[in-house]
Amino acid sequence: MTVHDDEFIARVLPDGCLELFCHSKQSWHKCSRRGTAMWIALRRSDWRPDLAAHEIAWQLNVDVESVQCEAEAWLVHFRTKAS
């Protein structure tokens, strides 16, 4: 399955992880399982790291604040990659 976004194309690999293509950088990035979960949660939450963090923290039974820091860092990484 391939999902097109304004800046990225996301496709699911045979191992269940995502591979993201950044149009502006003309490069691919393979997500880990946690990165794949982060992408899905961020998409579902309209790119709001606070909401994505709550979804992931609940599913993994971990601290929301640590996941939110990771979600924010994930967004910064890809926003930087896209610019």
N, C-alpha and C. Protein backbone atom coordinates (compact mmCIF):
# COMPACT_ATOMS: atom_id res chain seq x y z
N MET A 1 0.83 -1.17 0.00
CA MET A 1 0.00 0.00 0.00
C MET A 1 0.88 1.24 0.00
N THR A 2 0.52 2.24 -0.79
CA THR A 2 1.26 3.50 -0.86
C THR A 2 0.30 4.64 -0.55
N VAL A 3 0.72 5.54 0.34
CA VAL A 3 -0.07 6.72 0.70
C VAL A 3 0.70 7.95 0.26
N HIS A 4 0.02 8.85 -0.45
CA HIS A 4 0.65 10.09 -0.90
C HIS A 4 0.26 11.23 0.04
N ASP A 5 1.23 12.02 0.41
CA ASP A 5 1.06 13.18 1.25
C ASP A 5 1.59 14.35 0.44
N ASP A 6 1.37 15.58 0.88
CA ASP A 6 1.89 16.73 0.14
C ASP A 6 3.40 16.66 -0.03
N GLU A 7 4.09 16.23 1.01
CA GLU A 7 5.54 16.22 0.97
C GLU A 7 6.13 14.81 0.88
N PHE A 8 5.40 13.81 1.33
CA PHE A 8 5.93 12.45 1.41
C PHE A 8 5.06 11.45 0.70
N ILE A 9 5.69 10.38 0.27
CA ILE A 9 4.99 9.17 -0.15
C ILE A 9 5.38 8.11 0.87
N ALA A 10 4.39 7.44 1.43
CA ALA A 10 4.64 6.38 2.40
C ALA A 10 4.21 5.06 1.81
N ARG A 11 5.08 4.06 1.93
CA ARG A 11 4.69 2.72 1.47
C ARG A 11 5.05 1.70 2.53
N VAL A 12 4.23 0.69 2.62
CA VAL A 12 4.43 -0.37 3.59
C VAL A 12 5.32 -1.44 2.97
N LEU A 13 6.37 -1.78 3.69
CA LEU A 13 7.32 -2.81 3.24
C LEU A 13 6.84 -4.18 3.70
N PRO A 14 7.39 -5.24 3.13
CA PRO A 14 6.98 -6.60 3.53
C PRO A 14 7.12 -6.88 5.03
N ASP A 15 8.05 -6.19 5.70
CA ASP A 15 8.23 -6.42 7.14
C ASP A 15 7.25 -5.61 7.99
N GLY A 16 6.35 -4.86 7.35
CA GLY A 16 5.34 -4.09 8.07
C GLY A 16 5.76 -2.67 8.40
N CYS A 17 7.01 -2.35 8.16
CA CYS A 17 7.50 -1.00 8.43
C CYS A 17 7.21 -0.08 7.24
N LEU A 18 7.29 1.21 7.48
CA LEU A 18 7.08 2.18 6.42
C LEU A 18 8.39 2.63 5.81
N GLU A 19 8.31 3.00 4.57
CA GLU A 19 9.41 3.68 3.89
C GLU A 19 8.80 4.97 3.36
N LEU A 20 9.43 6.09 3.71
CA LEU A 20 8.93 7.40 3.33
C LEU A 20 9.83 8.02 2.27
N PHE A 21 9.22 8.55 1.23
CA PHE A 21 9.95 9.27 0.20
C PHE A 21 9.67 10.76 0.38
N CYS A 22 10.74 11.54 0.54
CA CYS A 22 10.64 12.99 0.70
C CYS A 22 10.84 13.63 -0.67
N HIS A 23 9.79 14.28 -1.17
CA HIS A 23 9.87 14.89 -2.51
C HIS A 23 10.97 15.94 -2.61
N SER A 24 11.05 16.83 -1.62
CA SER A 24 12.02 17.94 -1.73
C SER A 24 13.46 17.46 -1.66
N LYS A 25 13.72 16.38 -0.91
CA LYS A 25 15.08 15.84 -0.79
C LYS A 25 15.36 14.73 -1.80
N GLN A 26 14.29 14.27 -2.46
CA GLN A 26 14.43 13.16 -3.41
C GLN A 26 15.16 11.97 -2.77
N SER A 27 14.70 11.62 -1.55
CA SER A 27 15.34 10.50 -0.85
C SER A 27 14.31 9.69 -0.08
N TRP A 28 14.65 8.42 0.18
CA TRP A 28 13.82 7.50 0.94
C TRP A 28 14.34 7.39 2.36
N HIS A 29 13.44 7.15 3.30
CA HIS A 29 13.79 6.93 4.70
C HIS A 29 12.98 5.73 5.19
N LYS A 30 13.67 4.69 5.68
CA LYS A 30 12.97 3.53 6.23
C LYS A 30 12.74 3.76 7.72
N CYS A 31 11.50 3.64 8.14
CA CYS A 31 11.13 3.80 9.54
C CYS A 31 11.30 2.48 10.29
N SER A 32 11.69 2.59 11.54
CA SER A 32 11.69 1.43 12.42
C SER A 32 10.22 1.11 12.76
N ARG A 33 10.01 0.06 13.52
CA ARG A 33 8.63 -0.25 13.93
C ARG A 33 8.04 0.88 14.76
N ARG A 34 8.86 1.44 15.65
CA ARG A 34 8.36 2.55 16.48
C ARG A 34 8.11 3.79 15.62
N GLY A 35 8.98 4.04 14.65
CA GLY A 35 8.78 5.16 13.74
C GLY A 35 7.54 4.99 12.89
N THR A 36 7.26 3.75 12.51
CA THR A 36 6.05 3.46 11.75
C THR A 36 4.82 3.75 12.61
N ALA A 37 4.86 3.31 13.86
CA ALA A 37 3.74 3.59 14.78
C ALA A 37 3.58 5.10 14.97
N MET A 38 4.70 5.80 15.05
CA MET A 38 4.65 7.25 15.23
C MET A 38 4.00 7.92 14.02
N TRP A 39 4.39 7.52 12.82
CA TRP A 39 3.81 8.09 11.60
C TRP A 39 2.29 7.88 11.58
N ILE A 40 1.87 6.67 11.90
CA ILE A 40 0.43 6.36 11.89
C ILE A 40 -0.30 7.20 12.93
N ALA A 41 0.25 7.26 14.14
CA ALA A 41 -0.40 8.04 15.20
C ALA A 41 -0.44 9.53 14.86
N LEU A 42 0.63 10.05 14.28
CA LEU A 42 0.65 11.47 13.91
C LEU A 42 -0.35 11.75 12.79
N ARG A 43 -0.44 10.89 11.82
CA ARG A 43 -1.44 11.07 10.74
C ARG A 43 -2.85 11.05 11.31
N ARG A 44 -3.12 10.12 12.21
CA ARG A 44 -4.46 10.01 12.81
C ARG A 44 -4.80 11.23 13.65
N SER A 45 -3.79 11.85 14.24
CA SER A 45 -4.03 12.98 15.15
C SER A 45 -3.82 14.33 14.48
N ASP A 46 -3.84 14.36 13.15
CA ASP A 46 -3.66 15.61 12.40
C ASP A 46 -2.33 16.27 12.74
N TRP A 47 -1.29 15.45 12.90
CA TRP A 47 0.09 15.88 13.13
C TRP A 47 0.27 16.57 14.48
N ARG A 48 -0.58 16.25 15.45
CA ARG A 48 -0.45 16.81 16.81
C ARG A 48 0.31 15.82 17.68
N PRO A 49 1.56 16.17 18.06
CA PRO A 49 2.36 15.23 18.84
C PRO A 49 1.76 14.89 20.20
N ASP A 50 1.02 15.81 20.80
CA ASP A 50 0.43 15.52 22.10
C ASP A 50 -0.61 14.40 21.99
N LEU A 51 -1.46 14.47 20.96
CA LEU A 51 -2.47 13.42 20.77
C LEU A 51 -1.83 12.10 20.33
N ALA A 52 -0.86 12.19 19.46
CA ALA A 52 -0.16 10.98 19.01
C ALA A 52 0.53 10.30 20.19
N ALA A 53 1.13 11.09 21.06
CA ALA A 53 1.82 10.53 22.22
C ALA A 53 0.87 9.79 23.14
N HIS A 54 -0.32 10.33 23.34
CA HIS A 54 -1.29 9.66 24.18
C HIS A 54 -1.71 8.32 23.58
N GLU A 55 -1.91 8.29 22.28
CA GLU A 55 -2.29 7.03 21.61
C GLU A 55 -1.20 5.98 21.77
N ILE A 56 0.04 6.36 21.50
CA ILE A 56 1.14 5.40 21.58
C ILE A 56 1.42 4.99 23.02
N ALA A 57 1.41 5.95 23.94
CA ALA A 57 1.67 5.64 25.35
C ALA A 57 0.63 4.66 25.90
N TRP A 58 -0.62 4.86 25.51
CA TRP A 58 -1.68 3.96 25.96
C TRP A 58 -1.45 2.56 25.41
N GLN A 59 -1.12 2.46 24.12
CA GLN A 59 -0.91 1.16 23.49
C GLN A 59 0.29 0.41 24.07
N LEU A 60 1.36 1.16 24.39
CA LEU A 60 2.59 0.54 24.86
C LEU A 60 2.73 0.54 26.38
N ASN A 61 1.75 1.18 27.05
CA ASN A 61 1.79 1.30 28.51
C ASN A 61 3.10 1.95 28.99
N VAL A 62 3.42 3.10 28.37
CA VAL A 62 4.62 3.86 28.74
C VAL A 62 4.24 5.30 29.07
N ASP A 63 5.21 6.06 29.55
CA ASP A 63 5.02 7.44 29.96
C ASP A 63 4.70 8.35 28.76
N VAL A 64 3.62 9.12 28.86
CA VAL A 64 3.19 10.00 27.77
C VAL A 64 4.25 11.05 27.45
N GLU A 65 4.87 11.63 28.47
CA GLU A 65 5.84 12.71 28.25
C GLU A 65 7.04 12.24 27.42
N SER A 66 7.51 11.04 27.67
CA SER A 66 8.66 10.56 26.90
C SER A 66 8.27 10.31 25.44
N VAL A 67 7.07 9.82 25.24
CA VAL A 67 6.61 9.59 23.87
C VAL A 67 6.37 10.92 23.16
N GLN A 68 5.85 11.91 23.90
CA GLN A 68 5.61 13.22 23.28
C GLN A 68 6.93 13.85 22.84
N CYS A 69 7.97 13.74 23.64
CA CYS A 69 9.29 14.25 23.24
C CYS A 69 9.76 13.57 21.96
N GLU A 70 9.54 12.27 21.89
CA GLU A 70 9.94 11.53 20.69
C GLU A 70 9.11 11.97 19.48
N ALA A 71 7.82 12.17 19.68
CA ALA A 71 6.94 12.61 18.58
C ALA A 71 7.36 13.99 18.07
N GLU A 72 7.68 14.89 18.99
CA GLU A 72 8.13 16.23 18.59
C GLU A 72 9.45 16.16 17.84
N ALA A 73 10.37 15.33 18.32
CA ALA A 73 11.66 15.16 17.64
C ALA A 73 11.46 14.56 16.25
N TRP A 74 10.55 13.63 16.14
CA TRP A 74 10.24 12.98 14.86
C TRP A 74 9.75 14.03 13.86
N LEU A 75 8.84 14.90 14.31
CA LEU A 75 8.33 15.95 13.43
C LEU A 75 9.43 16.92 13.02
N VAL A 76 10.27 17.32 13.95
CA VAL A 76 11.38 18.23 13.63
C VAL A 76 12.30 17.59 12.61
N HIS A 77 12.61 16.31 12.81
CA HIS A 77 13.49 15.60 11.87
C HIS A 77 12.93 15.64 10.45
N PHE A 78 11.66 15.34 10.30
CA PHE A 78 11.09 15.30 8.97
C PHE A 78 10.78 16.68 8.41
N ARG A 79 10.47 17.63 9.25
CA ARG A 79 10.29 18.99 8.74
C ARG A 79 11.63 19.54 8.25
N THR A 80 12.71 19.23 8.98
CA THR A 80 14.05 19.65 8.56
C THR A 80 14.42 18.94 7.27
N LYS A 81 14.10 17.66 7.18
CA LYS A 81 14.41 16.87 5.99
C LYS A 81 13.68 17.41 4.77
N ALA A 82 12.46 17.93 5.00
CA ALA A 82 11.64 18.40 3.90
C ALA A 82 12.02 19.81 3.45
N SER A 83 12.74 20.55 4.26
CA SER A 83 13.05 21.94 3.88
C SER A 83 14.42 22.08 3.26
